[in-house]
Amino acid sequence: MPSTEPRGPRQIARAFKWSMQGLRAAWRHEASFRLEGYLFVILCPLGLWLGHGAVEKAILVGSLVLVLSAELLNSAVEAIVDKTTPEFHELAGRAKDMGSAAVLLLMFNVVLCWGLVLFGRGLG
């Protein structure tokens, strides 16, 4: 159902508040998100330091942000599946596995991006 509330600073502030609640919930309840968050804290500054120019920095850091985003979406899928289907169901398991696979593919993407940027310059 579309929002009838006018868009403006108040709506933006509410959306930001809800997003921060989501990040806090993921940090509190999802071990995978915490691990990827720790890796982000280490690798983000490293990517900004190792990247030559804005494009390389964006590739190195952006690939990390994609993993965190996919982990948030995967956690949301898992939460709603667990809420709606507490018993095992093939489709529920498939949905959870597909969310996990999306995160895995983006982790491969991180390795690919970092490898191409760093090994392409002979830093690896």
N, C-alpha and C. Protein backbone atom coordinates (compact mmCIF):
# COMPACT_ATOMS: atom_id res chain seq x y z
N MET A 1 0.85 -1.17 0.00
CA MET A 1 0.00 0.00 0.00
C MET A 1 0.89 1.24 0.00
N PRO A 2 0.72 2.11 -0.97
CA PRO A 2 1.57 3.29 -1.05
C PRO A 2 1.34 4.24 0.12
N SER A 3 2.40 4.93 0.48
CA SER A 3 2.32 5.91 1.55
C SER A 3 1.58 7.15 1.07
N THR A 4 0.67 7.64 1.91
CA THR A 4 -0.03 8.89 1.59
C THR A 4 0.60 10.07 2.30
N GLU A 5 1.57 9.78 3.16
CA GLU A 5 2.26 10.83 3.89
C GLU A 5 3.16 11.60 2.94
N PRO A 6 3.15 12.93 3.02
CA PRO A 6 4.02 13.70 2.13
C PRO A 6 5.49 13.41 2.42
N ARG A 7 6.28 13.41 1.36
CA ARG A 7 7.72 13.16 1.49
C ARG A 7 8.38 14.46 1.94
N GLY A 8 9.31 14.31 2.85
CA GLY A 8 10.03 15.47 3.34
C GLY A 8 10.99 15.05 4.42
N PRO A 9 11.54 16.03 5.13
CA PRO A 9 12.54 15.74 6.15
C PRO A 9 12.04 14.77 7.22
N ARG A 10 10.79 14.88 7.63
CA ARG A 10 10.27 14.00 8.67
C ARG A 10 10.23 12.55 8.19
N GLN A 11 9.78 12.33 6.97
CA GLN A 11 9.73 10.98 6.41
C GLN A 11 11.15 10.41 6.23
N ILE A 12 12.06 11.26 5.80
CA ILE A 12 13.45 10.83 5.64
C ILE A 12 14.03 10.44 7.00
N ALA A 13 13.75 11.22 8.03
CA ALA A 13 14.25 10.92 9.37
C ALA A 13 13.66 9.61 9.88
N ARG A 14 12.39 9.36 9.63
CA ARG A 14 11.78 8.09 10.05
C ARG A 14 12.40 6.92 9.31
N ALA A 15 12.59 7.06 8.02
CA ALA A 15 13.19 5.99 7.23
C ALA A 15 14.60 5.70 7.73
N PHE A 16 15.35 6.74 8.06
CA PHE A 16 16.70 6.56 8.60
C PHE A 16 16.65 5.82 9.93
N LYS A 17 15.70 6.20 10.79
CA LYS A 17 15.55 5.55 12.09
C LYS A 17 15.25 4.06 11.91
N TRP A 18 14.36 3.71 11.00
CA TRP A 18 14.01 2.31 10.77
C TRP A 18 15.21 1.54 10.20
N SER A 19 15.96 2.19 9.33
CA SER A 19 17.16 1.54 8.79
C SER A 19 18.18 1.27 9.88
N MET A 20 18.37 2.21 10.78
CA MET A 20 19.30 2.02 11.88
C MET A 20 18.82 0.90 12.81
N GLN A 21 17.50 0.80 13.02
CA GLN A 21 16.95 -0.30 13.82
C GLN A 21 17.26 -1.64 13.15
N GLY A 22 17.17 -1.69 11.83
CA GLY A 22 17.49 -2.90 11.10
C GLY A 22 18.95 -3.28 11.24
N LEU A 23 19.84 -2.29 11.14
CA LEU A 23 21.27 -2.57 11.32
C LEU A 23 21.57 -3.06 12.73
N ARG A 24 20.95 -2.42 13.74
CA ARG A 24 21.15 -2.87 15.12
C ARG A 24 20.64 -4.29 15.33
N ALA A 25 19.48 -4.60 14.76
CA ALA A 25 18.92 -5.95 14.90
C ALA A 25 19.82 -6.97 14.24
N ALA A 26 20.34 -6.66 13.06
CA ALA A 26 21.23 -7.58 12.38
C ALA A 26 22.49 -7.79 13.20
N TRP A 27 23.05 -6.73 13.74
CA TRP A 27 24.26 -6.84 14.54
C TRP A 27 24.01 -7.68 15.80
N ARG A 28 22.87 -7.46 16.42
CA ARG A 28 22.54 -8.15 17.66
C ARG A 28 22.23 -9.63 17.46
N HIS A 29 21.55 -9.97 16.36
CA HIS A 29 21.00 -11.31 16.20
C HIS A 29 21.68 -12.18 15.14
N GLU A 30 22.52 -11.61 14.31
CA GLU A 30 23.09 -12.36 13.19
C GLU A 30 24.62 -12.43 13.27
N ALA A 31 25.13 -13.60 13.64
CA ALA A 31 26.58 -13.78 13.76
C ALA A 31 27.28 -13.55 12.42
N SER A 32 26.66 -13.98 11.33
CA SER A 32 27.29 -13.79 10.01
C SER A 32 27.44 -12.30 9.70
N PHE A 33 26.43 -11.52 10.03
CA PHE A 33 26.50 -10.08 9.78
C PHE A 33 27.62 -9.45 10.62
N ARG A 34 27.75 -9.89 11.86
CA ARG A 34 28.83 -9.35 12.70
C ARG A 34 30.20 -9.68 12.12
N LEU A 35 30.39 -10.92 11.69
CA LEU A 35 31.67 -11.32 11.09
C LEU A 35 31.96 -10.48 9.85
N GLU A 36 30.98 -10.34 8.99
CA GLU A 36 31.18 -9.54 7.77
C GLU A 36 31.37 -8.07 8.12
N GLY A 37 30.75 -7.61 9.19
CA GLY A 37 30.96 -6.24 9.66
C GLY A 37 32.39 -6.02 10.13
N TYR A 38 32.92 -6.98 10.88
CA TYR A 38 34.32 -6.88 11.32
C TYR A 38 35.26 -6.85 10.11
N LEU A 39 34.99 -7.73 9.14
CA LEU A 39 35.82 -7.73 7.93
C LEU A 39 35.72 -6.39 7.20
N PHE A 40 34.53 -5.81 7.18
CA PHE A 40 34.34 -4.51 6.54
C PHE A 40 35.18 -3.44 7.23
N VAL A 41 35.16 -3.45 8.56
CA VAL A 41 35.92 -2.46 9.33
C VAL A 41 37.41 -2.56 9.04
N ILE A 42 37.89 -3.76 8.80
CA ILE A 42 39.31 -3.96 8.48
C ILE A 42 39.60 -3.65 7.02
N LEU A 43 38.76 -4.19 6.12
CA LEU A 43 39.06 -4.10 4.69
C LEU A 43 38.68 -2.76 4.06
N CYS A 44 37.69 -2.07 4.59
CA CYS A 44 37.29 -0.78 3.99
C CYS A 44 38.43 0.23 4.01
N PRO A 45 39.04 0.49 5.16
CA PRO A 45 40.18 1.43 5.13
C PRO A 45 41.33 0.92 4.26
N LEU A 46 41.54 -0.39 4.26
CA LEU A 46 42.59 -0.97 3.42
C LEU A 46 42.28 -0.73 1.95
N GLY A 47 41.02 -0.92 1.57
CA GLY A 47 40.62 -0.67 0.18
C GLY A 47 40.77 0.79 -0.22
N LEU A 48 40.45 1.69 0.71
CA LEU A 48 40.61 3.12 0.42
C LEU A 48 42.08 3.48 0.29
N TRP A 49 42.93 2.80 1.05
CA TRP A 49 44.37 3.07 0.99
C TRP A 49 45.00 2.44 -0.25
N LEU A 50 44.61 1.21 -0.58
CA LEU A 50 45.23 0.51 -1.71
C LEU A 50 44.69 0.94 -3.06
N GLY A 51 43.47 1.42 -3.09
CA GLY A 51 42.87 1.81 -4.37
C GLY A 51 43.54 3.04 -4.95
N HIS A 52 43.88 2.96 -6.23
CA HIS A 52 44.43 4.12 -6.94
C HIS A 52 43.28 4.78 -7.68
N GLY A 53 42.88 5.90 -7.22
CA GLY A 53 41.80 6.64 -7.87
C GLY A 53 40.43 6.21 -7.36
N ALA A 54 39.46 7.02 -7.73
CA ALA A 54 38.10 6.83 -7.23
C ALA A 54 37.48 5.52 -7.70
N VAL A 55 37.74 5.11 -8.92
CA VAL A 55 37.11 3.90 -9.45
C VAL A 55 37.60 2.67 -8.70
N GLU A 56 38.89 2.54 -8.51
CA GLU A 56 39.42 1.39 -7.77
C GLU A 56 38.91 1.38 -6.34
N LYS A 57 38.89 2.52 -5.70
CA LYS A 57 38.39 2.61 -4.33
C LYS A 57 36.92 2.20 -4.27
N ALA A 58 36.14 2.66 -5.24
CA ALA A 58 34.72 2.32 -5.28
C ALA A 58 34.53 0.82 -5.50
N ILE A 59 35.34 0.21 -6.33
CA ILE A 59 35.23 -1.23 -6.58
C ILE A 59 35.59 -2.01 -5.32
N LEU A 60 36.69 -1.65 -4.68
CA LEU A 60 37.14 -2.37 -3.49
C LEU A 60 36.15 -2.23 -2.34
N VAL A 61 35.71 -1.02 -2.06
CA VAL A 61 34.79 -0.80 -0.94
C VAL A 61 33.36 -1.20 -1.32
N GLY A 62 32.97 -0.90 -2.54
CA GLY A 62 31.61 -1.23 -2.98
C GLY A 62 31.33 -2.72 -2.95
N SER A 63 32.32 -3.53 -3.29
CA SER A 63 32.12 -4.97 -3.24
C SER A 63 31.85 -5.44 -1.81
N LEU A 64 32.46 -4.78 -0.85
CA LEU A 64 32.23 -5.12 0.57
C LEU A 64 30.83 -4.71 1.01
N VAL A 65 30.39 -3.54 0.57
CA VAL A 65 29.05 -3.05 0.93
C VAL A 65 27.98 -3.99 0.37
N LEU A 66 28.21 -4.53 -0.83
CA LEU A 66 27.25 -5.46 -1.42
C LEU A 66 27.08 -6.71 -0.56
N VAL A 67 28.17 -7.21 0.01
CA VAL A 67 28.07 -8.39 0.88
C VAL A 67 27.21 -8.08 2.09
N LEU A 68 27.44 -6.94 2.72
CA LEU A 68 26.63 -6.57 3.89
C LEU A 68 25.16 -6.42 3.52
N SER A 69 24.90 -5.81 2.37
CA SER A 69 23.52 -5.62 1.92
C SER A 69 22.83 -6.96 1.67
N ALA A 70 23.53 -7.86 1.01
CA ALA A 70 22.95 -9.18 0.74
C ALA A 70 22.74 -9.95 2.03
N GLU A 71 23.64 -9.80 2.99
CA GLU A 71 23.46 -10.49 4.27
C GLU A 71 22.23 -9.97 4.99
N LEU A 72 21.99 -8.67 4.92
CA LEU A 72 20.77 -8.11 5.52
C LEU A 72 19.52 -8.69 4.86
N LEU A 73 19.52 -8.76 3.54
CA LEU A 73 18.37 -9.32 2.83
C LEU A 73 18.21 -10.81 3.13
N ASN A 74 19.32 -11.54 3.18
CA ASN A 74 19.26 -12.96 3.52
C ASN A 74 18.69 -13.15 4.92
N SER A 75 19.12 -12.34 5.85
CA SER A 75 18.62 -12.44 7.22
C SER A 75 17.13 -12.12 7.28
N ALA A 76 16.70 -11.16 6.47
CA ALA A 76 15.27 -10.82 6.43
C ALA A 76 14.46 -11.99 5.87
N VAL A 77 14.96 -12.62 4.82
CA VAL A 77 14.28 -13.79 4.25
C VAL A 77 14.20 -14.90 5.29
N GLU A 78 15.31 -15.18 5.96
CA GLU A 78 15.33 -16.24 6.96
C GLU A 78 14.36 -15.94 8.10
N ALA A 79 14.30 -14.69 8.53
CA ALA A 79 13.40 -14.33 9.64
C ALA A 79 11.93 -14.54 9.24
N ILE A 80 11.58 -14.09 8.06
CA ILE A 80 10.17 -14.21 7.65
C ILE A 80 9.81 -15.66 7.37
N VAL A 81 10.75 -16.44 6.82
CA VAL A 81 10.49 -17.87 6.59
C VAL A 81 10.31 -18.57 7.93
N ASP A 82 11.17 -18.29 8.90
CA ASP A 82 11.05 -18.92 10.21
C ASP A 82 9.75 -18.51 10.91
N LYS A 83 9.31 -17.28 10.69
CA LYS A 83 8.06 -16.80 11.29
C LYS A 83 6.84 -17.49 10.67
N THR A 84 6.85 -17.64 9.35
CA THR A 84 5.67 -18.18 8.67
C THR A 84 5.65 -19.69 8.61
N THR A 85 6.83 -20.34 8.65
CA THR A 85 6.90 -21.80 8.51
C THR A 85 7.87 -22.36 9.54
N PRO A 86 7.39 -22.56 10.79
CA PRO A 86 8.31 -23.07 11.80
C PRO A 86 8.74 -24.52 11.54
N GLU A 87 7.91 -25.30 10.87
CA GLU A 87 8.32 -26.66 10.54
C GLU A 87 9.05 -26.66 9.20
N PHE A 88 9.80 -27.74 8.94
CA PHE A 88 10.57 -27.80 7.70
C PHE A 88 9.63 -27.88 6.51
N HIS A 89 9.94 -27.11 5.50
CA HIS A 89 9.23 -27.18 4.23
C HIS A 89 10.28 -27.00 3.13
N GLU A 90 10.16 -27.78 2.08
CA GLU A 90 11.15 -27.74 1.01
C GLU A 90 11.32 -26.34 0.43
N LEU A 91 10.21 -25.63 0.19
CA LEU A 91 10.31 -24.28 -0.38
C LEU A 91 10.95 -23.29 0.59
N ALA A 92 10.65 -23.46 1.88
CA ALA A 92 11.27 -22.58 2.88
C ALA A 92 12.78 -22.81 2.91
N GLY A 93 13.18 -24.07 2.90
CA GLY A 93 14.61 -24.39 2.86
C GLY A 93 15.27 -23.87 1.61
N ARG A 94 14.57 -23.98 0.49
CA ARG A 94 15.12 -23.49 -0.77
C ARG A 94 15.32 -21.97 -0.73
N ALA A 95 14.34 -21.26 -0.18
CA ALA A 95 14.45 -19.79 -0.08
C ALA A 95 15.64 -19.39 0.78
N LYS A 96 15.81 -20.07 1.90
CA LYS A 96 16.93 -19.76 2.78
C LYS A 96 18.27 -20.10 2.12
N ASP A 97 18.32 -21.23 1.43
CA ASP A 97 19.55 -21.62 0.74
C ASP A 97 19.90 -20.64 -0.38
N MET A 98 18.89 -20.16 -1.09
CA MET A 98 19.14 -19.21 -2.18
C MET A 98 19.66 -17.88 -1.63
N GLY A 99 19.13 -17.44 -0.50
CA GLY A 99 19.64 -16.22 0.12
C GLY A 99 21.09 -16.38 0.52
N SER A 100 21.41 -17.53 1.08
CA SER A 100 22.79 -17.82 1.46
C SER A 100 23.69 -17.87 0.24
N ALA A 101 23.20 -18.45 -0.84
CA ALA A 101 23.98 -18.53 -2.08
C ALA A 101 24.27 -17.13 -2.64
N ALA A 102 23.30 -16.23 -2.52
CA ALA A 102 23.52 -14.86 -2.99
C ALA A 102 24.67 -14.20 -2.24
N VAL A 103 24.71 -14.41 -0.92
CA VAL A 103 25.81 -13.85 -0.12
C VAL A 103 27.13 -14.48 -0.55
N LEU A 104 27.14 -15.78 -0.76
CA LEU A 104 28.36 -16.47 -1.19
C LEU A 104 28.87 -15.93 -2.52
N LEU A 105 27.97 -15.73 -3.48
CA LEU A 105 28.38 -15.18 -4.78
C LEU A 105 28.99 -13.80 -4.63
N LEU A 106 28.44 -12.99 -3.75
CA LEU A 106 29.00 -11.66 -3.54
C LEU A 106 30.34 -11.71 -2.81
N MET A 107 30.54 -12.74 -1.99
CA MET A 107 31.86 -12.92 -1.38
C MET A 107 32.88 -13.31 -2.45
N PHE A 108 32.47 -14.17 -3.38
CA PHE A 108 33.35 -14.48 -4.52
C PHE A 108 33.65 -13.21 -5.31
N ASN A 109 32.65 -12.34 -5.43
CA ASN A 109 32.83 -11.08 -6.14
C ASN A 109 33.87 -10.21 -5.44
N VAL A 110 33.88 -10.20 -4.12
CA VAL A 110 34.89 -9.44 -3.37
C VAL A 110 36.28 -9.97 -3.72
N VAL A 111 36.43 -11.29 -3.67
CA VAL A 111 37.73 -11.88 -3.98
C VAL A 111 38.13 -11.54 -5.41
N LEU A 112 37.20 -11.63 -6.34
CA LEU A 112 37.48 -11.31 -7.74
C LEU A 112 37.88 -9.85 -7.90
N CYS A 113 37.09 -8.93 -7.33
CA CYS A 113 37.39 -7.50 -7.47
C CYS A 113 38.73 -7.15 -6.85
N TRP A 114 38.96 -7.61 -5.63
CA TRP A 114 40.23 -7.30 -4.97
C TRP A 114 41.39 -7.93 -5.72
N GLY A 115 41.20 -9.16 -6.17
CA GLY A 115 42.26 -9.83 -6.92
C GLY A 115 42.59 -9.12 -8.21
N LEU A 116 41.57 -8.74 -8.98
CA LEU A 116 41.83 -8.06 -10.25
C LEU A 116 42.47 -6.70 -10.06
N VAL A 117 42.00 -5.97 -9.04
CA VAL A 117 42.57 -4.63 -8.81
C VAL A 117 44.00 -4.75 -8.31
N LEU A 118 44.24 -5.59 -7.33
CA LEU A 118 45.56 -5.65 -6.70
C LEU A 118 46.56 -6.46 -7.53
N PHE A 119 46.16 -7.61 -8.03
CA PHE A 119 47.08 -8.41 -8.84
C PHE A 119 47.30 -7.76 -10.21
N GLY A 120 46.31 -7.03 -10.67
CA GLY A 120 46.46 -6.32 -11.94
C GLY A 120 47.55 -5.28 -11.89
N ARG A 121 47.86 -4.80 -10.71
CA ARG A 121 48.94 -3.82 -10.53
C ARG A 121 50.20 -4.47 -10.00
N GLY A 122 50.15 -5.78 -9.77
CA GLY A 122 51.33 -6.49 -9.27
C GLY A 122 51.52 -6.34 -7.77
N LEU A 123 50.44 -6.01 -7.02
CA LEU A 123 50.56 -5.87 -5.57
C LEU A 123 50.34 -7.17 -4.83
N GLY A 124 49.80 -8.20 -5.51
CA GLY A 124 49.43 -9.42 -4.79
C GLY A 124 50.52 -10.40 -4.65
